[in-house]
PDB file of N, CA and C in Angstrom:
ATOM      1  N   UNK A   1      89.633 120.982 109.324  1.00  0.00           N
ATOM      2  CA  UNK A   1      89.304 119.830 107.576  1.00  0.00           C
ATOM      3  C   UNK A   1      89.838 119.056 108.645  1.00  0.00           C
ATOM      4  N   UNK A   2      88.258 117.385 109.045  1.00  0.00           N
ATOM      5  CA  UNK A   2      89.196 116.475 109.886  1.00  0.00           C
ATOM      6  C   UNK A   2      88.842 115.493 108.906  1.00  0.00           C
ATOM      7  N   UNK A   3      89.312 114.002 107.765  1.00  0.00           N
ATOM      8  CA  UNK A   3      89.245 113.248 107.329  1.00  0.00           C
ATOM      9  C   UNK A   3      88.775 112.245 108.207  1.00  0.00           C
ATOM     10  N   UNK A   4      88.451 111.152 107.827  1.00  0.00           N
ATOM     11  CA  UNK A   4      88.250 109.452 108.344  1.00  0.00           C
ATOM     12  C   UNK A   4      87.998 108.909 107.699  1.00  0.00           C
ATOM     13  N   UNK A   5      89.189 108.038 107.453  1.00  0.00           N
ATOM     14  CA  UNK A   5      88.360 106.913 106.763  1.00  0.00           C
ATOM     15  C   UNK A   5      89.503 105.384 106.848  1.00  0.00           C
ATOM     16  N   UNK A   6      89.135 104.288 106.538  1.00  0.00           N
ATOM     17  CA  UNK A   6      89.748 102.819 106.303  1.00  0.00           C
ATOM     18  C   UNK A   6      90.874 102.738 105.917  1.00  0.00           C
ATOM     19  N   UNK A   7      90.576 102.631 104.898  1.00  0.00           N
ATOM     20  CA  UNK A   7      90.911 102.678 103.465  1.00  0.00           C
ATOM     21  C   UNK A   7      91.625 104.038 102.440  1.00  0.00           C
ATOM     22  N   UNK A   8      92.642 104.183 101.971  1.00  0.00           N
ATOM     23  CA  UNK A   8      92.505 105.350 102.155  1.00  0.00           C
ATOM     24  C   UNK A   8      93.519 105.288 100.686  1.00  0.00           C
ATOM     25  N   UNK A   9      93.524 105.273  99.457  1.00  0.00           N
ATOM     26  CA  UNK A   9      94.686 105.860  98.400  1.00  0.00           C
ATOM     27  C   UNK A   9      94.824 106.395  96.833  1.00  0.00           C
ATOM     28  N   UNK A  10      93.666 108.012  96.966  1.00  0.00           N
ATOM     29  CA  UNK A  10      93.185 108.026  96.265  1.00  0.00           C
ATOM     30  C   UNK A  10      93.875 109.411  95.729  1.00  0.00           C
ATOM     31  N   UNK A  11      94.966 109.505  95.145  1.00  0.00           N
ATOM     32  CA  UNK A  11      96.026 110.918  94.464  1.00  0.00           C
ATOM     33  C   UNK A  11      95.031 112.370  94.511  1.00  0.00           C
ATOM     34  N   UNK A  12      93.049 111.956  94.052  1.00  0.00           N
ATOM     35  CA  UNK A  12      92.917 113.576  94.196  1.00  0.00           C
ATOM     36  C   UNK A  12      92.793 114.048  95.822  1.00  0.00           C
ATOM     37  N   UNK A  13      92.380 112.619  96.735  1.00  0.00           N
ATOM     38  CA  UNK A  13      91.825 113.927  97.728  1.00  0.00           C
ATOM     39  C   UNK A  13      93.315 113.739  98.438  1.00  0.00           C
ATOM     40  N   UNK A  14      94.612 113.443  97.999  1.00  0.00           N
ATOM     41  CA  UNK A  14      95.283 113.941  98.981  1.00  0.00           C
ATOM     42  C   UNK A  14      95.962 115.170  98.577  1.00  0.00           C
ATOM     43  N   UNK A  15      96.037 115.548  97.186  1.00  0.00           N
ATOM     44  CA  UNK A  15      96.172 116.651  96.226  1.00  0.00           C
ATOM     45  C   UNK A  15      95.599 117.094  96.976  1.00  0.00           C
ATOM     46  N   UNK A  16      93.620 117.762  97.283  1.00  0.00           N
ATOM     47  CA  UNK A  16      93.215 118.642  97.303  1.00  0.00           C
ATOM     48  C   UNK A  16      93.817 119.116  98.676  1.00  0.00           C
ATOM     49  N   UNK A  17      94.127 117.771  99.984  1.00  0.00           N
ATOM     50  CA  UNK A  17      93.980 118.241 101.543  1.00  0.00           C
ATOM     51  C   UNK A  17      95.334 118.724 101.218  1.00  0.00           C
ATOM     52  N   UNK A  18      96.366 118.172 100.424  1.00  0.00           N
ATOM     53  CA  UNK A  18      97.623 119.245 100.453  1.00  0.00           C
ATOM     54  C   UNK A  18      97.373 120.819 100.829  1.00  0.00           C
ATOM     55  N   UNK A  19      96.572 120.520  99.546  1.00  0.00           N
ATOM     56  CA  UNK A  19      96.260 122.399  98.655  1.00  0.00           C
ATOM     57  C   UNK A  19      95.847 123.400 100.261  1.00  0.00           C
ATOM     58  N   UNK A  20      94.784 122.618 100.671  1.00  0.00           N
ATOM     59  CA  UNK A  20      94.142 123.194 101.884  1.00  0.00           C
ATOM     60  C   UNK A  20      94.914 124.066 102.906  1.00  0.00           C
ATOM     61  N   UNK A  21      95.578 122.645 103.711  1.00  0.00           N
ATOM     62  CA  UNK A  21      97.571 122.711 104.184  1.00  0.00           C
ATOM     63  C   UNK A  21      97.604 124.469 103.297  1.00  0.00           C
ATOM     64  N   UNK A  22      98.019 123.810 102.911  1.00  0.00           N
ATOM     65  CA  UNK A  22      98.950 124.924 101.965  1.00  0.00           C
ATOM     66  C   UNK A  22      98.710 126.455 102.239  1.00  0.00           C
ATOM     67  N   UNK A  23      97.114 126.241 102.516  1.00  0.00           N
ATOM     68  CA  UNK A  23      96.705 126.903 102.375  1.00  0.00           C
ATOM     69  C   UNK A  23      96.453 128.311 104.078  1.00  0.00           C
ATOM     70  N   UNK A  24      96.677 126.936 104.725  1.00  0.00           N
ATOM     71  CA  UNK A  24      96.607 127.242 106.008  1.00  0.00           C
ATOM     72  C   UNK A  24      95.806 126.742 106.513  1.00  0.00           C
ATOM     73  N   UNK A  25      94.956 126.344 106.326  1.00  0.00           N
ATOM     74  CA  UNK A  25      93.635 124.773 106.693  1.00  0.00           C
ATOM     75  C   UNK A  25      94.693 123.976 107.319  1.00  0.00           C
ATOM     76  N   UNK A  26      94.162 123.386 109.039  1.00  0.00           N
ATOM     77  CA  UNK A  26      94.510 122.604 109.628  1.00  0.00           C
ATOM     78  C   UNK A  26      93.583 121.479 108.911  1.00  0.00           C
ATOM     79  N   UNK A  27      94.827 120.359 108.403  1.00  0.00           N
ATOM     80  CA  UNK A  27      94.447 119.407 108.526  1.00  0.00           C
ATOM     81  C   UNK A  27      94.319 118.561 108.847  1.00  0.00           C
ATOM     82  N   UNK A  28      93.640 117.123 109.108  1.00  0.00           N
ATOM     83  CA  UNK A  28      93.654 116.555 110.377  1.00  0.00           C
ATOM     84  C   UNK A  28      93.189 114.928 109.531  1.00  0.00           C
ATOM     85  N   UNK A  29      93.755 113.681 109.361  1.00  0.00           N
ATOM     86  CA  UNK A  29      93.683 112.745 109.034  1.00  0.00           C
ATOM     87  C   UNK A  29      93.612 111.066 109.619  1.00  0.00           C
ATOM     88  N   UNK A  30      92.317 110.548 110.048  1.00  0.00           N
ATOM     89  CA  UNK A  30      92.724 109.219 110.921  1.00  0.00           C
ATOM     90  C   UNK A  30      92.590 107.944 110.282  1.00  0.00           C
ATOM     91  N   UNK A  31      93.511 107.554 110.126  1.00  0.00           N
ATOM     92  CA  UNK A  31      92.949 105.435 109.482  1.00  0.00           C
ATOM     93  C   UNK A  31      93.222 104.839 110.794  1.00  0.00           C
ATOM     94  N   UNK A  32      92.938 103.699 110.149  1.00  0.00           N
ATOM     95  CA  UNK A  32      92.445 102.775 110.316  1.00  0.00           C
ATOM     96  C   UNK A  32      94.478 102.206 110.740  1.00  0.00           C
ATOM     97  N   UNK A  33      94.786 102.477 111.856  1.00  0.00           N
ATOM     98  CA  UNK A  33      96.629 102.046 112.020  1.00  0.00           C
ATOM     99  C   UNK A  33      96.725 100.808 111.266  1.00  0.00           C
ATOM    100  N   UNK A  34      95.954  99.298 112.381  1.00  0.00           N
ATOM    101  CA  UNK A  34      96.588  97.986 111.755  1.00  0.00           C
ATOM    102  C   UNK A  34      96.203  98.131 110.521  1.00  0.00           C
ATOM    103  N   UNK A  35      95.395  98.592 109.455  1.00  0.00           N
ATOM    104  CA  UNK A  35      94.964  97.967 108.174  1.00  0.00           C
ATOM    105  C   UNK A  35      96.230  98.677 107.149  1.00  0.00           C
ATOM    106  N   UNK A  36      96.373  99.586 108.172  1.00  0.00           N
ATOM    107  CA  UNK A  36      97.611 101.333 107.003  1.00  0.00           C
ATOM    108  C   UNK A  36      98.614 100.166 106.969  1.00  0.00           C
ATOM    109  N   UNK A  37      98.890  99.355 108.542  1.00  0.00           N
ATOM    110  CA  UNK A  37     101.118  98.920 108.547  1.00  0.00           C
ATOM    111  C   UNK A  37     100.624  98.230 108.022  1.00  0.00           C
ATOM    112  N   UNK A  38      99.613  97.144 107.927  1.00  0.00           N
ATOM    113  CA  UNK A  38      99.967  95.728 106.943  1.00  0.00           C
ATOM    114  C   UNK A  38      99.498  95.647 105.405  1.00  0.00           C
ATOM    115  N   UNK A  39      99.420  97.267 105.065  1.00  0.00           N
ATOM    116  CA  UNK A  39      99.861  96.974 103.116  1.00  0.00           C
ATOM    117  C   UNK A  39      98.489  96.696 102.745  1.00  0.00           C
ATOM    118  N   UNK A  40      97.412  95.700 103.612  1.00  0.00           N
ATOM    119  CA  UNK A  40      96.536  95.691 102.047  1.00  0.00           C
ATOM    120  C   UNK A  40      95.841  96.654 101.262  1.00  0.00           C
ATOM    121  N   UNK A  41      96.307  97.624 101.377  1.00  0.00           N
ATOM    122  CA  UNK A  41      95.721  98.804 100.455  1.00  0.00           C
ATOM    123  C   UNK A  41      97.419  98.995  99.790  1.00  0.00           C
ATOM    124  N   UNK A  42      97.692  98.833  99.143  1.00  0.00           N
ATOM    125  CA  UNK A  42      98.732  98.887  98.346  1.00  0.00           C
ATOM    126  C   UNK A  42      99.443 100.123  98.932  1.00  0.00           C
ATOM    127  N   UNK A  43      98.770 101.739  98.047  1.00  0.00           N
ATOM    128  CA  UNK A  43      99.165 103.267  98.304  1.00  0.00           C
ATOM    129  C   UNK A  43      99.201 103.650  99.172  1.00  0.00           C
ATOM    130  N   UNK A  44      98.779 103.125 100.470  1.00  0.00           N
ATOM    131  CA  UNK A  44      98.596 103.475 101.772  1.00  0.00           C
ATOM    132  C   UNK A  44      99.302 104.339 102.211  1.00  0.00           C
ATOM    133  N   UNK A  45      99.999 104.142 102.891  1.00  0.00           N
ATOM    134  CA  UNK A  45     101.300 104.097 103.297  1.00  0.00           C
ATOM    135  C   UNK A  45     102.024 105.292 102.371  1.00  0.00           C
ATOM    136  N   UNK A  46     102.197 105.485 100.903  1.00  0.00           N
ATOM    137  CA  UNK A  46     102.700 106.101 100.266  1.00  0.00           C
ATOM    138  C   UNK A  46     101.821 107.405 100.773  1.00  0.00           C
ATOM    139  N   UNK A  47     100.387 107.179 100.037  1.00  0.00           N
ATOM    140  CA  UNK A  47      99.354 108.335 100.344  1.00  0.00           C
ATOM    141  C   UNK A  47      99.453 109.528 101.250  1.00  0.00           C
ATOM    142  N   UNK A  48      99.466 108.464 102.709  1.00  0.00           N
ATOM    143  CA  UNK A  48      99.627 109.183 104.009  1.00  0.00           C
ATOM    144  C   UNK A  48     100.885 110.143 103.785  1.00  0.00           C
ATOM    145  N   UNK A  49     102.110 108.689 104.062  1.00  0.00           N
ATOM    146  CA  UNK A  49     103.543 110.011 103.728  1.00  0.00           C
ATOM    147  C   UNK A  49     102.948 111.242 103.129  1.00  0.00           C
ATOM    148  N   UNK A  50     102.631 111.527 101.859  1.00  0.00           N
ATOM    149  CA  UNK A  50     102.519 112.078 100.908  1.00  0.00           C
ATOM    150  C   UNK A  50     101.766 113.817 101.803  1.00  0.00           C
ATOM    151  N   UNK A  51     101.074 113.162 102.634  1.00  0.00           N
ATOM    152  CA  UNK A  51     100.425 114.289 103.042  1.00  0.00           C
ATOM    153  C   UNK A  51     100.962 114.657 104.794  1.00  0.00           C
ATOM    154  N   UNK A  52     101.661 113.789 105.637  1.00  0.00           N
ATOM    155  CA  UNK A  52     102.563 114.444 106.465  1.00  0.00           C
ATOM    156  C   UNK A  52     103.499 115.195 105.269  1.00  0.00           C
ATOM    157  N   UNK A  53     104.568 115.124 104.471  1.00  0.00           N
ATOM    158  CA  UNK A  53     104.972 116.004 103.620  1.00  0.00           C
ATOM    159  C   UNK A  53     104.558 117.248 103.484  1.00  0.00           C
ATOM    160  N   UNK A  54     103.657 117.386 103.731  1.00  0.00           N
ATOM    161  CA  UNK A  54     102.945 118.795 103.316  1.00  0.00           C
ATOM    162  C   UNK A  54     102.318 119.529 104.718  1.00  0.00           C
ATOM    163  N   UNK A  55     102.680 118.694 105.795  1.00  0.00           N
ATOM    164  CA  UNK A  55     101.999 119.188 107.160  1.00  0.00           C
ATOM    165  C   UNK A  55     100.757 118.716 107.296  1.00  0.00           C
ATOM    166  N   UNK A  56     100.202 118.173 106.412  1.00  0.00           N
ATOM    167  CA  UNK A  56      98.592 117.754 107.437  1.00  0.00           C
ATOM    168  C   UNK A  56      99.146 116.489 108.667  1.00  0.00           C
ATOM    169  N   UNK A  57      98.138 117.035 109.408  1.00  0.00           N
ATOM    170  CA  UNK A  57      98.740 115.739 110.826  1.00  0.00           C
ATOM    171  C   UNK A  57      97.490 114.788 110.623  1.00  0.00           C
ATOM    172  N   UNK A  58      98.467 113.308 110.829  1.00  0.00           N
ATOM    173  CA  UNK A  58      97.999 112.135 109.945  1.00  0.00           C
ATOM    174  C   UNK A  58      98.406 111.136 111.512  1.00  0.00           C
ATOM    175  N   UNK A  59      96.933 110.722 112.138  1.00  0.00           N
ATOM    176  CA  UNK A  59      96.977 109.866 113.263  1.00  0.00           C
ATOM    177  C   UNK A  59      97.071 108.356 112.938  1.00  0.00           C
ATOM    178  N   UNK A  60      97.378 107.415 113.221  1.00  0.00           N
ATOM    179  CA  UNK A  60      96.489 106.297 113.000  1.00  0.00           C
ATOM    180  C   UNK A  60      96.151 105.821 114.330  1.00  0.00           C
ATOM    181  N   UNK A  61      95.106 104.937 113.898  1.00  0.00           N
ATOM    182  CA  UNK A  61      94.474 104.895 115.696  1.00  0.00           C
ATOM    183  C   UNK A  61      93.717 103.491 115.331  1.00  0.00           C
ATOM    184  N   UNK A  62      93.458 103.075 116.821  1.00  0.00           N
ATOM    185  CA  UNK A  62      92.546 101.714 116.999  1.00  0.00           C
ATOM    186  C   UNK A  62      91.307 101.984 118.014  1.00  0.00           C
ATOM    187  N   UNK A  63      90.242 102.260 116.613  1.00  0.00           N
ATOM    188  CA  UNK A  63      88.932 102.459 116.984  1.00  0.00           C
ATOM    189  C   UNK A  63      88.764 103.532 117.652  1.00  0.00           C
ATOM    190  N   UNK A  64      87.496 104.010 118.499  1.00  0.00           N
ATOM    191  CA  UNK A  64      86.705 104.950 118.887  1.00  0.00           C
ATOM    192  C   UNK A  64      88.153 105.724 120.161  1.00  0.00           C
ATOM    193  N   UNK A  65      88.468 104.731 120.458  1.00  0.00           N
ATOM    194  CA  UNK A  65      88.805 105.053 121.928  1.00  0.00           C
ATOM    195  C   UNK A  65      90.660 104.916 121.445  1.00  0.00           C
ATOM    196  N   UNK A  66      91.291 104.970 120.616  1.00  0.00           N
ATOM    197  CA  UNK A  66      92.391 104.818 119.995  1.00  0.00           C
ATOM    198  C   UNK A  66      93.352 104.323 120.467  1.00  0.00           C
ATOM    199  N   UNK A  67      92.432 103.442 120.888  1.00  0.00           N
ATOM    200  CA  UNK A  67      94.125 101.997 121.724  1.00  0.00           C
ATOM    201  C   UNK A  67      93.413 100.794 121.431  1.00  0.00           C
ATOM    202  N   UNK A  68      91.207 100.110 121.165  1.00  0.00           N
ATOM    203  CA  UNK A  68      91.132  98.874 120.734  1.00  0.00           C
ATOM    204  C   UNK A  68      90.190  99.229 119.647  1.00  0.00           C
ATOM    205  N   UNK A  69      89.708  98.070 118.851  1.00  0.00           N
ATOM    206  CA  UNK A  69      88.860  98.053 117.416  1.00  0.00           C
ATOM    207  C   UNK A  69      89.444  98.553 116.328  1.00  0.00           C
ATOM    208  N   UNK A  70      88.650  98.678 115.762  1.00  0.00           N
ATOM    209  CA  UNK A  70      89.241  99.579 114.044  1.00  0.00           C
ATOM    210  C   UNK A  70      88.425 100.848 114.570  1.00  0.00           C
ATOM    211  N   UNK A  71      89.115 101.725 113.122  1.00  0.00           N
ATOM    212  CA  UNK A  71      89.437 103.210 113.294  1.00  0.00           C
ATOM    213  C   UNK A  71      88.200 102.533 111.403  1.00  0.00           C
ATOM    214  N   UNK A  72      86.597 103.046 111.950  1.00  0.00           N
ATOM    215  CA  UNK A  72      85.961 102.399 110.499  1.00  0.00           C
ATOM    216  C   UNK A  72      85.223 103.054 109.557  1.00  0.00           C
ATOM    217  N   UNK A  73      85.180 104.401 110.680  1.00  0.00           N
ATOM    218  CA  UNK A  73      84.294 105.754 109.298  1.00  0.00           C
ATOM    219  C   UNK A  73      85.024 106.564 108.736  1.00  0.00           C
ATOM    220  N   UNK A  74      84.107 106.396 107.687  1.00  0.00           N
ATOM    221  CA  UNK A  74      84.743 106.875 106.500  1.00  0.00           C
ATOM    222  C   UNK A  74      83.887 108.669 106.048  1.00  0.00           C
ATOM    223  N   UNK A  75      84.466 110.118 106.770  1.00  0.00           N
ATOM    224  CA  UNK A  75      83.675 110.873 107.296  1.00  0.00           C
ATOM    225  C   UNK A  75      84.681 112.186 106.653  1.00  0.00           C
ATOM    226  N   UNK A  76      84.095 113.475 106.380  1.00  0.00           N
ATOM    227  CA  UNK A  76      84.799 114.446 106.288  1.00  0.00           C
ATOM    228  C   UNK A  76      83.832 115.658 106.562  1.00  0.00           C
ATOM    229  N   UNK A  77      84.676 116.122 107.310  1.00  0.00           N
ATOM    230  CA  UNK A  77      84.450 117.453 108.389  1.00  0.00           C
ATOM    231  C   UNK A  77      85.088 118.755 107.795  1.00  0.00           C
ATOM    232  N   UNK A  78      84.385 119.809 106.881  1.00  0.00           N
ATOM    233  CA  UNK A  78      84.635 120.770 106.667  1.00  0.00           C
ATOM    234  C   UNK A  78      83.690 121.567 106.291  1.00  0.00           C
ATOM    235  N   UNK A  79      84.347 123.112 107.026  1.00  0.00           N
ATOM    236  CA  UNK A  79      83.399 124.054 107.367  1.00  0.00           C
ATOM    237  C   UNK A  79      82.699 124.029 108.661  1.00  0.00           C
ATOM    238  N   UNK A  80      81.397 124.369 107.591  1.00  0.00           N
ATOM    239  CA  UNK A  80      79.951 123.888 108.556  1.00  0.00           C
ATOM    240  C   UNK A  80      79.205 122.717 107.854  1.00  0.00           C
ATOM    241  N   UNK A  81      80.188 121.641 106.543  1.00  0.00           N
ATOM    242  CA  UNK A  81      79.231 120.154 105.836  1.00  0.00           C
ATOM    243  C   UNK A  81      80.305 119.588 106.929  1.00  0.00           C
ATOM    244  N   UNK A  82      79.707 118.093 106.699  1.00  0.00           N
ATOM    245  CA  UNK A  82      79.878 116.729 107.458  1.00  0.00           C
ATOM    246  C   UNK A  82      79.464 115.856 106.765  1.00  0.00           C
ATOM    247  N   UNK A  83      80.525 114.975 105.106  1.00  0.00           N
ATOM    248  CA  UNK A  83      80.410 114.234 104.962  1.00  0.00           C
ATOM    249  C   UNK A  83      80.565 112.922 105.747  1.00  0.00           C
ATOM    250  N   UNK A  84      79.124 111.914 105.363  1.00  0.00           N
ATOM    251  CA  UNK A  84      79.271 110.547 106.827  1.00  0.00           C
ATOM    252  C   UNK A  84      79.236 109.672 104.896  1.00  0.00           C
ATOM    253  N   UNK A  85      79.512 108.666 105.238  1.00  0.00           N
ATOM    254  CA  UNK A  85      79.054 107.512 104.509  1.00  0.00           C
ATOM    255  C   UNK A  85      79.801 106.020 103.913  1.00  0.00           C
ATOM    256  N   UNK A  86      79.201 104.920 103.469  1.00  0.00           N
ATOM    257  CA  UNK A  86      80.312 104.087 103.604  1.00  0.00           C
ATOM    258  C   UNK A  86      81.307 103.925 102.262  1.00  0.00           C
ATOM    259  N   UNK A  87      81.905 105.213 101.894  1.00  0.00           N
ATOM    260  CA  UNK A  87      82.559 104.328 100.616  1.00  0.00           C
ATOM    261  C   UNK A  87      83.982 104.950 101.821  1.00  0.00           C
ATOM    262  N   UNK A  88      84.848 104.358 101.048  1.00  0.00           N
ATOM    263  CA  UNK A  88      86.819 103.530 101.434  1.00  0.00           C
ATOM    264  C   UNK A  88      87.198 105.296 100.120  1.00  0.00           C
ATOM    265  N   UNK A  89      88.199 105.677 101.173  1.00  0.00           N
ATOM    266  CA  UNK A  89      88.764 106.787 100.725  1.00  0.00           C
ATOM    267  C   UNK A  89      89.905 105.897  99.347  1.00  0.00           C
ATOM    268  N   UNK A  90      89.719 105.080  98.300  1.00  0.00           N
ATOM    269  CA  UNK A  90      90.581 104.257  97.378  1.00  0.00           C
ATOM    270  C   UNK A  90      89.851 104.461  95.711  1.00  0.00           C
ATOM    271  N   UNK A  91      90.658 103.914  95.082  1.00  0.00           N
ATOM    272  CA  UNK A  91      90.589 104.007  93.667  1.00  0.00           C
ATOM    273  C   UNK A  91      89.325 102.152  93.863  1.00  0.00           C
ATOM    274  N   UNK A  92      89.893 101.528  94.210  1.00  0.00           N
ATOM    275  CA  UNK A  92      88.409 100.615  93.584  1.00  0.00           C
ATOM    276  C   UNK A  92      86.993 100.791  94.168  1.00  0.00           C
ATOM    277  N   UNK A  93      87.232 102.096  95.283  1.00  0.00           N
ATOM    278  CA  UNK A  93      86.050 102.282  96.004  1.00  0.00           C
ATOM    279  C   UNK A  93      84.858 103.036  95.476  1.00  0.00           C
ATOM    280  N   UNK A  94      86.643 103.815  94.558  1.00  0.00           N
ATOM    281  CA  UNK A  94      85.414 104.645  93.983  1.00  0.00           C
ATOM    282  C   UNK A  94      84.300 104.125  92.016  1.00  0.00           C
ATOM    283  N   UNK A  95      84.849 103.102  91.972  1.00  0.00           N
ATOM    284  CA  UNK A  95      84.077 102.424  91.353  1.00  0.00           C
ATOM    285  C   UNK A  95      82.614 101.515  91.198  1.00  0.00           C
ATOM    286  N   UNK A  96      82.588 101.642  92.742  1.00  0.00           N
ATOM    287  CA  UNK A  96      81.278 100.886  93.481  1.00  0.00           C
ATOM    288  C   UNK A  96      80.492 101.646  93.519  1.00  0.00           C
ATOM    289  N   UNK A  97      79.234 101.189  94.147  1.00  0.00           N
ATOM    290  CA  UNK A  97      77.611 101.525  94.253  1.00  0.00           C
ATOM    291  C   UNK A  97      77.504 102.025  95.963  1.00  0.00           C
ATOM    292  N   UNK A  98      78.252 102.801  96.499  1.00  0.00           N
ATOM    293  CA  UNK A  98      78.720 103.145  97.272  1.00  0.00           C
ATOM    294  C   UNK A  98      77.381 104.264  98.177  1.00  0.00           C
ATOM    295  N   UNK A  99      76.995 104.964  99.574  1.00  0.00           N
ATOM    296  CA  UNK A  99      75.605 105.801  99.967  1.00  0.00           C
ATOM    297  C   UNK A  99      77.053 106.863 100.626  1.00  0.00           C
ATOM    298  N   UNK A 100      77.375 108.316 100.198  1.00  0.00           N
ATOM    299  CA  UNK A 100      77.598 109.076 101.885  1.00  0.00           C
ATOM    300  C   UNK A 100      76.360 110.284 101.068  1.00  0.00           C
ATOM    301  N   UNK A 101      76.102 110.490 102.829  1.00  0.00           N
ATOM    302  CA  UNK A 101      75.311 112.463 103.131  1.00  0.00           C
ATOM    303  C   UNK A 101      76.433 113.397 103.108  1.00  0.00           C
ATOM    304  N   UNK A 102      75.588 114.105 102.878  1.00  0.00           N
ATOM    305  CA  UNK A 102      76.472 115.465 102.900  1.00  0.00           C
ATOM    306  C   UNK A 102      75.533 116.166 104.141  1.00  0.00           C
ATOM    307  N   UNK A 103      75.673 116.628 105.355  1.00  0.00           N
ATOM    308  CA  UNK A 103      74.828 117.224 106.476  1.00  0.00           C
ATOM    309  C   UNK A 103      75.694 118.602 106.794  1.00  0.00           C
ATOM    310  N   UNK A 104      75.145 119.797 106.802  1.00  0.00           N
ATOM    311  CA  UNK A 104      75.068 120.892 107.142  1.00  0.00           C
ATOM    312  C   UNK A 104      75.003 121.280 108.897  1.00  0.00           C
ATOM    313  N   UNK A 105      75.951 121.218 109.354  1.00  0.00           N
ATOM    314  CA  UNK A 105      76.336 121.638 110.917  1.00  0.00           C
ATOM    315  C   UNK A 105      75.584 122.600 110.800  1.00  0.00           C
ATOM    316  N   UNK A 106      75.152 123.281 111.688  1.00  0.00           N
ATOM    317  CA  UNK A 106      74.841 124.401 113.166  1.00  0.00           C
ATOM    318  C   UNK A 106      75.958 124.479 113.919  1.00  0.00           C
ATOM    319  N   UNK A 107      75.963 125.422 114.947  1.00  0.00           N
ATOM    320  CA  UNK A 107      76.711 125.814 116.306  1.00  0.00           C
ATOM    321  C   UNK A 107      75.880 124.351 117.194  1.00  0.00           C
ATOM    322  N   UNK A 108      75.235 123.436 117.135  1.00  0.00           N
ATOM    323  CA  UNK A 108      75.766 123.444 118.461  1.00  0.00           C
ATOM    324  C   UNK A 108      75.710 121.814 117.984  1.00  0.00           C
ATOM    325  N   UNK A 109      75.404 122.212 115.885  1.00  0.00           N
ATOM    326  CA  UNK A 109      76.383 120.571 115.413  1.00  0.00           C
ATOM    327  C   UNK A 109      77.520 120.011 115.641  1.00  0.00           C
ATOM    328  N   UNK A 110      78.503 120.966 114.958  1.00  0.00           N
ATOM    329  CA  UNK A 110      79.855 120.681 114.776  1.00  0.00           C
ATOM    330  C   UNK A 110      80.064 120.931 116.938  1.00  0.00           C
ATOM    331  N   UNK A 111      79.825 121.335 116.991  1.00  0.00           N
ATOM    332  CA  UNK A 111      80.023 121.604 119.052  1.00  0.00           C
ATOM    333  C   UNK A 111      79.932 120.402 119.597  1.00  0.00           C
ATOM    334  N   UNK A 112      78.956 119.833 119.166  1.00  0.00           N
ATOM    335  CA  UNK A 112      78.983 117.881 119.679  1.00  0.00           C
ATOM    336  C   UNK A 112      79.554 116.971 118.769  1.00  0.00           C
ATOM    337  N   UNK A 113      79.825 117.427 117.675  1.00  0.00           N
ATOM    338  CA  UNK A 113      81.569 116.775 116.724  1.00  0.00           C
ATOM    339  C   UNK A 113      82.556 116.537 117.565  1.00  0.00           C
ATOM    340  N   UNK A 114      82.732 117.604 117.940  1.00  0.00           N
ATOM    341  CA  UNK A 114      84.242 118.214 118.487  1.00  0.00           C
ATOM    342  C   UNK A 114      84.176 117.507 119.437  1.00  0.00           C
ATOM    343  N   UNK A 115      83.059 117.500 120.401  1.00  0.00           N
ATOM    344  CA  UNK A 115      82.778 116.583 121.898  1.00  0.00           C
ATOM    345  C   UNK A 115      83.262 115.453 121.821  1.00  0.00           C
ATOM    346  N   UNK A 116      83.228 114.571 120.936  1.00  0.00           N
ATOM    347  CA  UNK A 116      83.061 113.426 120.691  1.00  0.00           C
ATOM    348  C   UNK A 116      84.647 113.181 120.413  1.00  0.00           C
TER     349      UNK A 116
END
């Protein structure tokens, strides 16, 4: 299971990811390094820390290459489903009218996702 986010503080998502990890599912979370460390989203550092305490692999990155830019995608890859959208994983964003799409992935689609 892979979650990518720019901003992140939703306790419900943290709890769900921790439960998945406790069941032995490999969980990775990629968040923007600079945004996280700046403290702009007040609960982000604490929530990512809570994930790490439950053996969720949390990576702070800078853009697509990991060295420059911002990590601004909002995705969740789980089993054969991929959610892609514009909604940040925050309490404030859950009040917005933003759009996400649920895509069903076949074997070739999952391979292509992994290859990127």
